[in-house]
Amino acid sequence: MPSLIHSTVPVLPSLNLAESEAFYVQRLGFAVLLRMDEYLIVAREGCELHFWPCNNPELPRNSSCYVRADTRALHTEFTQNGLPLSPPQAREWGMRELYVIDPHGNLLKFGEPVE
């Protein structure tokens, strides 16, 4: 049977799309796929993130997404890009995770299985 679901794409709230764009491009290495007044799409290595503008700061502070990734390599890259981050940690559920909080409060959890 052919696959009916091809991928998931988080749609995160942004208090300022220009600030979100700058952070995801300059600090996390994403590229802009689409920039509009009311929408932003960034992508990196098959991972796509969408953003919509909001005025309620509680929304991004209560939003997150999980990205499967090489946490140690990303930690090195992101800290070289100026982000002060704690190193990835092995969690009791068998995943090594790196947490990044964007300028508006969205939590990105980068994770991979612990060997």
PDB file of N, CA and C in Angstrom:
ATOM      1  N   MET A   1       0.846  -1.185   0.000  1.00  0.00           N
ATOM      2  CA  MET A   1       0.000   0.000   0.000  1.00  0.00           C
ATOM      3  C   MET A   1       0.885   1.240   0.000  1.00  0.00           C
ATOM      4  N   PRO A   2       0.621   2.210  -0.846  1.00  0.00           N
ATOM      5  CA  PRO A   2       1.440   3.424  -0.873  1.00  0.00           C
ATOM      6  C   PRO A   2       1.251   4.250   0.398  1.00  0.00           C
ATOM      7  N   SER A   3       2.281   4.970   0.752  1.00  0.00           N
ATOM      8  CA  SER A   3       2.240   5.840   1.922  1.00  0.00           C
ATOM      9  C   SER A   3       1.250   6.974   1.673  1.00  0.00           C
ATOM     10  N   LEU A   4       0.347   7.169   2.611  1.00  0.00           N
ATOM     11  CA  LEU A   4      -0.647   8.230   2.476  1.00  0.00           C
ATOM     12  C   LEU A   4      -0.243   9.506   3.214  1.00  0.00           C
ATOM     13  N   ILE A   5       0.599   9.366   4.225  1.00  0.00           N
ATOM     14  CA  ILE A   5       1.099  10.528   4.955  1.00  0.00           C
ATOM     15  C   ILE A   5       2.575  10.670   4.610  1.00  0.00           C
ATOM     16  N   HIS A   6       2.982  11.835   4.126  1.00  0.00           N
ATOM     17  CA  HIS A   6       4.333  12.032   3.632  1.00  0.00           C
ATOM     18  C   HIS A   6       5.251  12.765   4.603  1.00  0.00           C
ATOM     19  N   SER A   7       4.724  13.662   5.379  1.00  0.00           N
ATOM     20  CA  SER A   7       5.546  14.373   6.357  1.00  0.00           C
ATOM     21  C   SER A   7       4.640  15.197   7.265  1.00  0.00           C
ATOM     22  N   THR A   8       5.237  15.696   8.314  1.00  0.00           N
ATOM     23  CA  THR A   8       4.545  16.645   9.181  1.00  0.00           C
ATOM     24  C   THR A   8       5.296  17.966   9.104  1.00  0.00           C
ATOM     25  N   VAL A   9       4.565  19.057   9.228  1.00  0.00           N
ATOM     26  CA  VAL A   9       5.169  20.383   9.153  1.00  0.00           C
ATOM     27  C   VAL A   9       4.609  21.224  10.300  1.00  0.00           C
ATOM     28  N   PRO A  10       5.444  21.525  11.293  1.00  0.00           N
ATOM     29  CA  PRO A  10       4.977  22.387  12.377  1.00  0.00           C
ATOM     30  C   PRO A  10       4.655  23.788  11.857  1.00  0.00           C
ATOM     31  N   VAL A  11       3.599  24.374  12.392  1.00  0.00           N
ATOM     32  CA  VAL A  11       3.223  25.749  12.094  1.00  0.00           C
ATOM     33  C   VAL A  11       3.262  26.484  13.433  1.00  0.00           C
ATOM     34  N   LEU A  12       4.278  27.322  13.599  1.00  0.00           N
ATOM     35  CA  LEU A  12       4.552  27.962  14.877  1.00  0.00           C
ATOM     36  C   LEU A  12       4.162  29.440  14.867  1.00  0.00           C
ATOM     37  N   PRO A  13       3.720  29.948  16.009  1.00  0.00           N
ATOM     38  CA  PRO A  13       3.394  31.367  16.094  1.00  0.00           C
ATOM     39  C   PRO A  13       4.652  32.222  16.201  1.00  0.00           C
ATOM     40  N   SER A  14       4.595  33.403  15.634  1.00  0.00           N
ATOM     41  CA  SER A  14       5.713  34.352  15.662  1.00  0.00           C
ATOM     42  C   SER A  14       5.189  35.724  16.054  1.00  0.00           C
ATOM     43  N   LEU A  15       5.860  36.363  16.992  1.00  0.00           N
ATOM     44  CA  LEU A  15       5.495  37.728  17.376  1.00  0.00           C
ATOM     45  C   LEU A  15       6.010  38.738  16.359  1.00  0.00           C
ATOM     46  N   ASN A  16       6.999  38.315  15.544  1.00  0.00           N
ATOM     47  CA  ASN A  16       7.571  39.187  14.522  1.00  0.00           C
ATOM     48  C   ASN A  16       8.234  38.289  13.476  1.00  0.00           C
ATOM     49  N   LEU A  17       7.650  38.212  12.288  1.00  0.00           N
ATOM     50  CA  LEU A  17       8.153  37.290  11.266  1.00  0.00           C
ATOM     51  C   LEU A  17       9.585  37.618  10.843  1.00  0.00           C
ATOM     52  N   ALA A  18       9.937  38.895  10.782  1.00  0.00           N
ATOM     53  CA  ALA A  18      11.301  39.274  10.412  1.00  0.00           C
ATOM     54  C   ALA A  18      12.315  38.788  11.457  1.00  0.00           C
ATOM     55  N   GLU A  19      11.973  38.906  12.727  1.00  0.00           N
ATOM     56  CA  GLU A  19      12.854  38.404  13.791  1.00  0.00           C
ATOM     57  C   GLU A  19      12.967  36.885  13.724  1.00  0.00           C
ATOM     58  N   SER A  20      11.852  36.209  13.480  1.00  0.00           N
ATOM     59  CA  SER A  20      11.896  34.744  13.343  1.00  0.00           C
ATOM     60  C   SER A  20      12.790  34.355  12.178  1.00  0.00           C
ATOM     61  N   GLU A  21      12.609  35.015  11.051  1.00  0.00           N
ATOM     62  CA  GLU A  21      13.429  34.721   9.876  1.00  0.00           C
ATOM     63  C   GLU A  21      14.911  34.893  10.187  1.00  0.00           C
ATOM     64  N   ALA A  22      15.284  36.000  10.782  1.00  0.00           N
ATOM     65  CA  ALA A  22      16.694  36.257  11.091  1.00  0.00           C
ATOM     66  C   ALA A  22      17.259  35.176  12.000  1.00  0.00           C
ATOM     67  N   PHE A  23      16.528  34.780  13.024  1.00  0.00           N
ATOM     68  CA  PHE A  23      17.004  33.766  13.970  1.00  0.00           C
ATOM     69  C   PHE A  23      17.187  32.420  13.283  1.00  0.00           C
ATOM     70  N   TYR A  24      16.185  31.982  12.554  1.00  0.00           N
ATOM     71  CA  TYR A  24      16.249  30.648  11.950  1.00  0.00           C
ATOM     72  C   TYR A  24      17.288  30.578  10.825  1.00  0.00           C
ATOM     73  N   VAL A  25      17.498  31.668  10.130  1.00  0.00           N
ATOM     74  CA  VAL A  25      18.499  31.682   9.055  1.00  0.00           C
ATOM     75  C   VAL A  25      19.908  31.863   9.639  1.00  0.00           C
ATOM     76  N   GLN A  26      20.107  32.878  10.463  1.00  0.00           N
ATOM     77  CA  GLN A  26      21.448  33.216  10.942  1.00  0.00           C
ATOM     78  C   GLN A  26      21.951  32.294  12.036  1.00  0.00           C
ATOM     79  N   ARG A  27      21.081  31.870  12.926  1.00  0.00           N
ATOM     80  CA  ARG A  27      21.523  31.049  14.065  1.00  0.00           C
ATOM     81  C   ARG A  27      21.374  29.551  13.823  1.00  0.00           C
ATOM     82  N   LEU A  28      20.298  29.145  13.104  1.00  0.00           N
ATOM     83  CA  LEU A  28      20.023  27.718  12.949  1.00  0.00           C
ATOM     84  C   LEU A  28      20.295  27.179  11.548  1.00  0.00           C
ATOM     85  N   GLY A  29      20.674  28.035  10.616  1.00  0.00           N
ATOM     86  CA  GLY A  29      21.078  27.568   9.301  1.00  0.00           C
ATOM     87  C   GLY A  29      19.968  27.183   8.346  1.00  0.00           C
ATOM     88  N   PHE A  30      18.757  27.664   8.596  1.00  0.00           N
ATOM     89  CA  PHE A  30      17.645  27.406   7.681  1.00  0.00           C
ATOM     90  C   PHE A  30      17.698  28.392   6.519  1.00  0.00           C
ATOM     91  N   ALA A  31      17.026  28.060   5.439  1.00  0.00           N
ATOM     92  CA  ALA A  31      16.883  28.954   4.285  1.00  0.00           C
ATOM     93  C   ALA A  31      15.409  29.321   4.146  1.00  0.00           C
ATOM     94  N   VAL A  32      15.159  30.517   3.656  1.00  0.00           N
ATOM     95  CA  VAL A  32      13.781  30.977   3.455  1.00  0.00           C
ATOM     96  C   VAL A  32      13.231  30.361   2.168  1.00  0.00           C
ATOM     97  N   LEU A  33      12.084  29.686   2.291  1.00  0.00           N
ATOM     98  CA  LEU A  33      11.376  29.169   1.119  1.00  0.00           C
ATOM     99  C   LEU A  33      10.287  30.125   0.670  1.00  0.00           C
ATOM    100  N   LEU A  34       9.658  30.803   1.639  1.00  0.00           N
ATOM    101  CA  LEU A  34       8.568  31.728   1.323  1.00  0.00           C
ATOM    102  C   LEU A  34       8.518  32.809   2.390  1.00  0.00           C
ATOM    103  N   ARG A  35       8.404  34.038   1.944  1.00  0.00           N
ATOM    104  CA  ARG A  35       8.264  35.178   2.849  1.00  0.00           C
ATOM    105  C   ARG A  35       7.090  36.005   2.343  1.00  0.00           C
ATOM    106  N   MET A  36       6.088  36.165   3.195  1.00  0.00           N
ATOM    107  CA  MET A  36       4.926  36.986   2.868  1.00  0.00           C
ATOM    108  C   MET A  36       4.642  37.863   4.078  1.00  0.00           C
ATOM    109  N   ASP A  37       3.738  38.814   3.925  1.00  0.00           N
ATOM    110  CA  ASP A  37       3.381  39.666   5.062  1.00  0.00           C
ATOM    111  C   ASP A  37       2.822  38.858   6.224  1.00  0.00           C
ATOM    112  N   GLU A  38       2.087  37.812   5.911  1.00  0.00           N
ATOM    113  CA  GLU A  38       1.377  37.055   6.943  1.00  0.00           C
ATOM    114  C   GLU A  38       1.831  35.603   7.065  1.00  0.00           C
ATOM    115  N   TYR A  39       3.000  35.248   6.503  1.00  0.00           N
ATOM    116  CA  TYR A  39       3.437  33.851   6.566  1.00  0.00           C
ATOM    117  C   TYR A  39       4.916  33.759   6.233  1.00  0.00           C
ATOM    118  N   LEU A  40       5.598  32.799   6.873  1.00  0.00           N
ATOM    119  CA  LEU A  40       7.011  32.554   6.628  1.00  0.00           C
ATOM    120  C   LEU A  40       7.233  31.051   6.605  1.00  0.00           C
ATOM    121  N   ILE A  41       8.019  30.583   5.639  1.00  0.00           N
ATOM    122  CA  ILE A  41       8.416  29.172   5.580  1.00  0.00           C
ATOM    123  C   ILE A  41       9.931  29.119   5.475  1.00  0.00           C
ATOM    124  N   VAL A  42      10.547  28.344   6.382  1.00  0.00           N
ATOM    125  CA  VAL A  42      11.984  28.104   6.329  1.00  0.00           C
ATOM    126  C   VAL A  42      12.216  26.604   6.252  1.00  0.00           C
ATOM    127  N   ALA A  43      13.372  26.213   5.699  1.00  0.00           N
ATOM    128  CA  ALA A  43      13.665  24.787   5.552  1.00  0.00           C
ATOM    129  C   ALA A  43      15.157  24.546   5.676  1.00  0.00           C
ATOM    130  N   ARG A  44      15.463  23.337   6.107  1.00  0.00           N
ATOM    131  CA  ARG A  44      16.846  22.876   6.177  1.00  0.00           C
ATOM    132  C   ARG A  44      16.853  21.357   6.115  1.00  0.00           C
ATOM    133  N   GLU A  45      17.567  20.816   5.146  1.00  0.00           N
ATOM    134  CA  GLU A  45      17.811  19.381   5.049  1.00  0.00           C
ATOM    135  C   GLU A  45      16.524  18.557   5.177  1.00  0.00           C
ATOM    136  N   GLY A  46      15.485  18.970   4.497  1.00  0.00           N
ATOM    137  CA  GLY A  46      14.230  18.227   4.520  1.00  0.00           C
ATOM    138  C   GLY A  46      13.290  18.590   5.657  1.00  0.00           C
ATOM    139  N   CYS A  47      13.732  19.428   6.571  1.00  0.00           N
ATOM    140  CA  CYS A  47      12.884  19.884   7.678  1.00  0.00           C
ATOM    141  C   CYS A  47      12.301  21.233   7.294  1.00  0.00           C
ATOM    142  N   GLU A  48      10.999  21.345   7.340  1.00  0.00           N
ATOM    143  CA  GLU A  48      10.311  22.575   6.980  1.00  0.00           C
ATOM    144  C   GLU A  48       9.545  23.079   8.194  1.00  0.00           C
ATOM    145  N   LEU A  49       9.649  24.376   8.461  1.00  0.00           N
ATOM    146  CA  LEU A  49       8.920  25.020   9.548  1.00  0.00           C
ATOM    147  C   LEU A  49       8.149  26.199   8.971  1.00  0.00           C
ATOM    148  N   HIS A  50       6.897  26.336   9.401  1.00  0.00           N
ATOM    149  CA  HIS A  50       6.050  27.452   8.972  1.00  0.00           C
ATOM    150  C   HIS A  50       5.781  28.342  10.177  1.00  0.00           C
ATOM    151  N   PHE A  51       5.602  29.630   9.910  1.00  0.00           N
ATOM    152  CA  PHE A  51       5.318  30.604  10.966  1.00  0.00           C
ATOM    153  C   PHE A  51       4.174  31.511  10.544  1.00  0.00           C
ATOM    154  N   TRP A  52       3.323  31.833  11.490  1.00  0.00           N
ATOM    155  CA  TRP A  52       2.223  32.768  11.277  1.00  0.00           C
ATOM    156  C   TRP A  52       2.328  33.858  12.336  1.00  0.00           C
ATOM    157  N   PRO A  53       1.942  35.073  11.994  1.00  0.00           N
ATOM    158  CA  PRO A  53       2.058  36.167  12.957  1.00  0.00           C
ATOM    159  C   PRO A  53       0.965  36.110  14.015  1.00  0.00           C
ATOM    160  N   CYS A  54       1.360  36.419  15.232  1.00  0.00           N
ATOM    161  CA  CYS A  54       0.390  36.501  16.327  1.00  0.00           C
ATOM    162  C   CYS A  54       0.796  37.656  17.228  1.00  0.00           C
ATOM    163  N   ASN A  55      -0.143  38.118  18.023  1.00  0.00           N
ATOM    164  CA  ASN A  55       0.116  39.212  18.955  1.00  0.00           C
ATOM    165  C   ASN A  55       0.116  38.767  20.410  1.00  0.00           C
ATOM    166  N   ASN A  56      -0.201  37.505  20.650  1.00  0.00           N
ATOM    167  CA  ASN A  56      -0.305  36.986  22.011  1.00  0.00           C
ATOM    168  C   ASN A  56       0.999  36.279  22.388  1.00  0.00           C
ATOM    169  N   PRO A  57       1.820  36.863  23.285  1.00  0.00           N
ATOM    170  CA  PRO A  57       3.101  36.247  23.625  1.00  0.00           C
ATOM    171  C   PRO A  57       2.984  34.892  24.318  1.00  0.00           C
ATOM    172  N   GLU A  58       1.817  34.577  24.839  1.00  0.00           N
ATOM    173  CA  GLU A  58       1.628  33.268  25.468  1.00  0.00           C
ATOM    174  C   GLU A  58       1.617  32.133  24.450  1.00  0.00           C
ATOM    175  N   LEU A  59       1.199  32.403  23.224  1.00  0.00           N
ATOM    176  CA  LEU A  59       1.126  31.339  22.216  1.00  0.00           C
ATOM    177  C   LEU A  59       2.499  30.745  21.904  1.00  0.00           C
ATOM    178  N   PRO A  60       3.509  31.533  21.538  1.00  0.00           N
ATOM    179  CA  PRO A  60       4.809  30.907  21.292  1.00  0.00           C
ATOM    180  C   PRO A  60       5.445  30.308  22.546  1.00  0.00           C
ATOM    181  N   ARG A  61       5.167  30.874  23.700  1.00  0.00           N
ATOM    182  CA  ARG A  61       5.731  30.325  24.934  1.00  0.00           C
ATOM    183  C   ARG A  61       5.139  28.969  25.276  1.00  0.00           C
ATOM    184  N   ASN A  62       4.055  28.608  24.621  1.00  0.00           N
ATOM    185  CA  ASN A  62       3.405  27.312  24.856  1.00  0.00           C
ATOM    186  C   ASN A  62       3.399  26.446  23.605  1.00  0.00           C
ATOM    187  N   SER A  63       4.293  26.738  22.651  1.00  0.00           N
ATOM    188  CA  SER A  63       4.382  25.972  21.406  1.00  0.00           C
ATOM    189  C   SER A  63       5.743  25.307  21.312  1.00  0.00           C
ATOM    190  N   SER A  64       5.748  24.154  20.651  1.00  0.00           N
ATOM    191  CA  SER A  64       7.019  23.454  20.453  1.00  0.00           C
ATOM    192  C   SER A  64       6.903  22.520  19.263  1.00  0.00           C
ATOM    193  N   CYS A  65       8.058  22.023  18.838  1.00  0.00           N
ATOM    194  CA  CYS A  65       8.073  20.967  17.832  1.00  0.00           C
ATOM    195  C   CYS A  65       9.284  20.090  18.083  1.00  0.00           C
ATOM    196  N   TYR A  66       9.223  18.877  17.573  1.00  0.00           N
ATOM    197  CA  TYR A  66      10.299  17.902  17.747  1.00  0.00           C
ATOM    198  C   TYR A  66      10.919  17.644  16.387  1.00  0.00           C
ATOM    199  N   VAL A  67      12.251  17.724  16.326  1.00  0.00           N
ATOM    200  CA  VAL A  67      12.983  17.538  15.079  1.00  0.00           C
ATOM    201  C   VAL A  67      14.003  16.427  15.294  1.00  0.00           C
ATOM    202  N   ARG A  68      13.942  15.373  14.501  1.00  0.00           N
ATOM    203  CA  ARG A  68      14.951  14.307  14.573  1.00  0.00           C
ATOM    204  C   ARG A  68      16.234  14.830  13.948  1.00  0.00           C
ATOM    205  N   ALA A  69      17.356  14.725  14.686  1.00  0.00           N
ATOM    206  CA  ALA A  69      18.584  15.345  14.209  1.00  0.00           C
ATOM    207  C   ALA A  69      19.802  14.818  14.952  1.00  0.00           C
ATOM    208  N   ASP A  70      20.972  15.132  14.433  1.00  0.00           N
ATOM    209  CA  ASP A  70      22.241  14.848  15.080  1.00  0.00           C
ATOM    210  C   ASP A  70      22.474  15.944  16.113  1.00  0.00           C
ATOM    211  N   THR A  71      22.138  15.652  17.347  1.00  0.00           N
ATOM    212  CA  THR A  71      22.119  16.690  18.381  1.00  0.00           C
ATOM    213  C   THR A  71      23.504  17.237  18.710  1.00  0.00           C
ATOM    214  N   ARG A  72      24.511  16.384  18.708  1.00  0.00           N
ATOM    215  CA  ARG A  72      25.852  16.849  19.066  1.00  0.00           C
ATOM    216  C   ARG A  72      26.420  17.778  17.985  1.00  0.00           C
ATOM    217  N   ALA A  73      26.246  17.394  16.736  1.00  0.00           N
ATOM    218  CA  ALA A  73      26.743  18.239  15.639  1.00  0.00           C
ATOM    219  C   ALA A  73      25.999  19.573  15.610  1.00  0.00           C
ATOM    220  N   LEU A  74      24.683  19.537  15.828  1.00  0.00           N
ATOM    221  CA  LEU A  74      23.920  20.789  15.839  1.00  0.00           C
ATOM    222  C   LEU A  74      24.306  21.658  17.026  1.00  0.00           C
ATOM    223  N   HIS A  75      24.557  21.048  18.172  1.00  0.00           N
ATOM    224  CA  HIS A  75      24.991  21.828  19.330  1.00  0.00           C
ATOM    225  C   HIS A  75      26.268  22.588  18.992  1.00  0.00           C
ATOM    226  N   THR A  76      27.220  21.898  18.375  1.00  0.00           N
ATOM    227  CA  THR A  76      28.471  22.548  17.980  1.00  0.00           C
ATOM    228  C   THR A  76      28.208  23.695  17.012  1.00  0.00           C
ATOM    229  N   GLU A  77      27.404  23.431  15.990  1.00  0.00           N
ATOM    230  CA  GLU A  77      27.101  24.464  14.993  1.00  0.00           C
ATOM    231  C   GLU A  77      26.378  25.653  15.610  1.00  0.00           C
ATOM    232  N   PHE A  78      25.342  25.378  16.386  1.00  0.00           N
ATOM    233  CA  PHE A  78      24.541  26.460  16.953  1.00  0.00           C
ATOM    234  C   PHE A  78      25.347  27.310  17.939  1.00  0.00           C
ATOM    235  N   THR A  79      26.189  26.687  18.741  1.00  0.00           N
ATOM    236  CA  THR A  79      27.000  27.480  19.673  1.00  0.00           C
ATOM    237  C   THR A  79      28.041  28.297  18.911  1.00  0.00           C
ATOM    238  N   GLN A  80      28.565  27.759  17.802  1.00  0.00           N
ATOM    239  CA  GLN A  80      29.479  28.549  16.970  1.00  0.00           C
ATOM    240  C   GLN A  80      28.754  29.741  16.341  1.00  0.00           C
ATOM    241  N   ASN A  81      27.445  29.609  16.163  1.00  0.00           N
ATOM    242  CA  ASN A  81      26.631  30.706  15.625  1.00  0.00           C
ATOM    243  C   ASN A  81      26.166  31.670  16.716  1.00  0.00           C
ATOM    244  N   GLY A  82      26.674  31.506  17.939  1.00  0.00           N
ATOM    245  CA  GLY A  82      26.408  32.462  19.000  1.00  0.00           C
ATOM    246  C   GLY A  82      25.283  32.126  19.956  1.00  0.00           C
ATOM    247  N   LEU A  83      24.718  30.924  19.874  1.00  0.00           N
ATOM    248  CA  LEU A  83      23.646  30.560  20.807  1.00  0.00           C
ATOM    249  C   LEU A  83      24.237  29.950  22.071  1.00  0.00           C
ATOM    250  N   PRO A  84      23.887  30.474  23.226  1.00  0.00           N
ATOM    251  CA  PRO A  84      24.348  29.860  24.481  1.00  0.00           C
ATOM    252  C   PRO A  84      23.417  28.685  24.822  1.00  0.00           C
ATOM    253  N   LEU A  85      23.876  27.471  24.575  1.00  0.00           N
ATOM    254  CA  LEU A  85      23.036  26.279  24.756  1.00  0.00           C
ATOM    255  C   LEU A  85      23.704  25.277  25.689  1.00  0.00           C
ATOM    256  N   SER A  86      22.880  24.591  26.465  1.00  0.00           N
ATOM    257  CA  SER A  86      23.376  23.450  27.222  1.00  0.00           C
ATOM    258  C   SER A  86      23.630  22.304  26.257  1.00  0.00           C
ATOM    259  N   PRO A  87      24.593  21.430  26.557  1.00  0.00           N
ATOM    260  CA  PRO A  87      24.853  20.287  25.680  1.00  0.00           C
ATOM    261  C   PRO A  87      23.649  19.341  25.638  1.00  0.00           C
ATOM    262  N   PRO A  88      23.546  18.543  24.584  1.00  0.00           N
ATOM    263  CA  PRO A  88      22.468  17.557  24.510  1.00  0.00           C
ATOM    264  C   PRO A  88      22.531  16.608  25.705  1.00  0.00           C
ATOM    265  N   GLN A  89      21.370  16.187  26.163  1.00  0.00           N
ATOM    266  CA  GLN A  89      21.272  15.300  27.323  1.00  0.00           C
ATOM    267  C   GLN A  89      20.538  14.022  26.952  1.00  0.00           C
ATOM    268  N   ALA A  90      21.011  12.888  27.463  1.00  0.00           N
ATOM    269  CA  ALA A  90      20.286  11.618  27.303  1.00  0.00           C
ATOM    270  C   ALA A  90      19.104  11.644  28.260  1.00  0.00           C
ATOM    271  N   ARG A  91      17.937  11.373  27.733  1.00  0.00           N
ATOM    272  CA  ARG A  91      16.711  11.392  28.533  1.00  0.00           C
ATOM    273  C   ARG A  91      16.273   9.970  28.859  1.00  0.00           C
ATOM    274  N   GLU A  92      15.487   9.836  29.889  1.00  0.00           N
ATOM    275  CA  GLU A  92      15.062   8.504  30.347  1.00  0.00           C
ATOM    276  C   GLU A  92      14.224   7.761  29.317  1.00  0.00           C
ATOM    277  N   TRP A  93      13.676   8.445  28.342  1.00  0.00           N
ATOM    278  CA  TRP A  93      12.863   7.794  27.309  1.00  0.00           C
ATOM    279  C   TRP A  93      13.708   7.338  26.118  1.00  0.00           C
ATOM    280  N   GLY A  94      15.041   7.351  26.290  1.00  0.00           N
ATOM    281  CA  GLY A  94      15.917   6.788  25.275  1.00  0.00           C
ATOM    282  C   GLY A  94      16.318   7.727  24.152  1.00  0.00           C
ATOM    283  N   MET A  95      16.120   9.023  24.349  1.00  0.00           N
ATOM    284  CA  MET A  95      16.488   9.995  23.327  1.00  0.00           C
ATOM    285  C   MET A  95      17.530  10.963  23.885  1.00  0.00           C
ATOM    286  N   ARG A  96      18.486  11.350  23.048  1.00  0.00           N
ATOM    287  CA  ARG A  96      19.407  12.436  23.369  1.00  0.00           C
ATOM    288  C   ARG A  96      18.772  13.694  22.783  1.00  0.00           C
ATOM    289  N   GLU A  97      18.618  14.724  23.615  1.00  0.00           N
ATOM    290  CA  GLU A  97      17.878  15.904  23.169  1.00  0.00           C
ATOM    291  C   GLU A  97      18.651  17.198  23.405  1.00  0.00           C
ATOM    292  N   LEU A  98      18.486  18.090  22.450  1.00  0.00           N
ATOM    293  CA  LEU A  98      19.033  19.439  22.486  1.00  0.00           C
ATOM    294  C   LEU A  98      17.854  20.392  22.400  1.00  0.00           C
ATOM    295  N   TYR A  99      17.765  21.328  23.342  1.00  0.00           N
ATOM    296  CA  TYR A  99      16.639  22.252  23.369  1.00  0.00           C
ATOM    297  C   TYR A  99      17.088  23.645  22.941  1.00  0.00           C
ATOM    298  N   VAL A 100      16.330  24.225  22.028  1.00  0.00           N
ATOM    299  CA  VAL A 100      16.558  25.586  21.559  1.00  0.00           C
ATOM    300  C   VAL A 100      15.241  26.340  21.702  1.00  0.00           C
ATOM    301  N   ILE A 101      15.295  27.504  22.306  1.00  0.00           N
ATOM    302  CA  ILE A 101      14.110  28.357  22.414  1.00  0.00           C
ATOM    303  C   ILE A 101      14.344  29.561  21.516  1.00  0.00           C
ATOM    304  N   ASP A 102      13.415  29.782  20.594  1.00  0.00           N
ATOM    305  CA  ASP A 102      13.586  30.904  19.663  1.00  0.00           C
ATOM    306  C   ASP A 102      13.274  32.225  20.365  1.00  0.00           C
ATOM    307  N   PRO A 103      13.513  33.361  19.709  1.00  0.00           N
ATOM    308  CA  PRO A 103      13.343  34.664  20.375  1.00  0.00           C
ATOM    309  C   PRO A 103      11.947  34.933  20.925  1.00  0.00           C
ATOM    310  N   HIS A 104      10.944  34.224  20.440  1.00  0.00           N
ATOM    311  CA  HIS A 104       9.578  34.473  20.905  1.00  0.00           C
ATOM    312  C   HIS A 104       9.080  33.426  21.885  1.00  0.00           C
ATOM    313  N   GLY A 105       9.876  32.372  22.103  1.00  0.00           N
ATOM    314  CA  GLY A 105       9.517  31.375  23.104  1.00  0.00           C
ATOM    315  C   GLY A 105       9.192  29.997  22.569  1.00  0.00           C
ATOM    316  N   ASN A 106       9.102  29.812  21.249  1.00  0.00           N
ATOM    317  CA  ASN A 106       8.868  28.477  20.700  1.00  0.00           C
ATOM    318  C   ASN A 106      10.023  27.556  21.086  1.00  0.00           C
ATOM    319  N   LEU A 107       9.691  26.369  21.574  1.00  0.00           N
ATOM    320  CA  LEU A 107      10.694  25.387  21.956  1.00  0.00           C
ATOM    321  C   LEU A 107      10.910  24.410  20.812  1.00  0.00           C
ATOM    322  N   LEU A 108      12.167  24.296  20.368  1.00  0.00           N
ATOM    323  CA  LEU A 108      12.549  23.293  19.382  1.00  0.00           C
ATOM    324  C   LEU A 108      13.300  22.205  20.132  1.00  0.00           C
ATOM    325  N   LYS A 109      12.806  20.991  20.067  1.00  0.00           N
ATOM    326  CA  LYS A 109      13.490  19.855  20.662  1.00  0.00           C
ATOM    327  C   LYS A 109      14.115  19.059  19.526  1.00  0.00           C
ATOM    328  N   PHE A 110      15.445  19.050  19.469  1.00  0.00           N
ATOM    329  CA  PHE A 110      16.160  18.239  18.499  1.00  0.00           C
ATOM    330  C   PHE A 110      16.514  16.936  19.222  1.00  0.00           C
ATOM    331  N   GLY A 111      16.174  15.808  18.615  1.00  0.00           N
ATOM    332  CA  GLY A 111      16.390  14.545  19.313  1.00  0.00           C
ATOM    333  C   GLY A 111      16.839  13.416  18.407  1.00  0.00           C
ATOM    334  N   GLU A 112      17.543  12.461  19.023  1.00  0.00           N
ATOM    335  CA  GLU A 112      17.989  11.249  18.329  1.00  0.00           C
ATOM    336  C   GLU A 112      18.047  10.113  19.351  1.00  0.00           C
ATOM    337  N   PRO A 113      17.878   8.887  18.905  1.00  0.00           N
ATOM    338  CA  PRO A 113      17.979   7.764  19.851  1.00  0.00           C
ATOM    339  C   PRO A 113      19.373   7.694  20.473  1.00  0.00           C
ATOM    340  N   VAL A 114      19.419   7.357  21.750  1.00  0.00           N
ATOM    341  CA  VAL A 114      20.690   7.147  22.436  1.00  0.00           C
ATOM    342  C   VAL A 114      21.211   5.788  21.988  1.00  0.00           C
ATOM    343  N   GLU A 115      22.507   5.744  21.634  1.00  0.00           N
ATOM    344  CA  GLU A 115      23.096   4.475  21.185  1.00  0.00           C
ATOM    345  C   GLU A 115      23.073   3.446  22.285  1.00  0.00           C
TER     346      GLU A 115
END
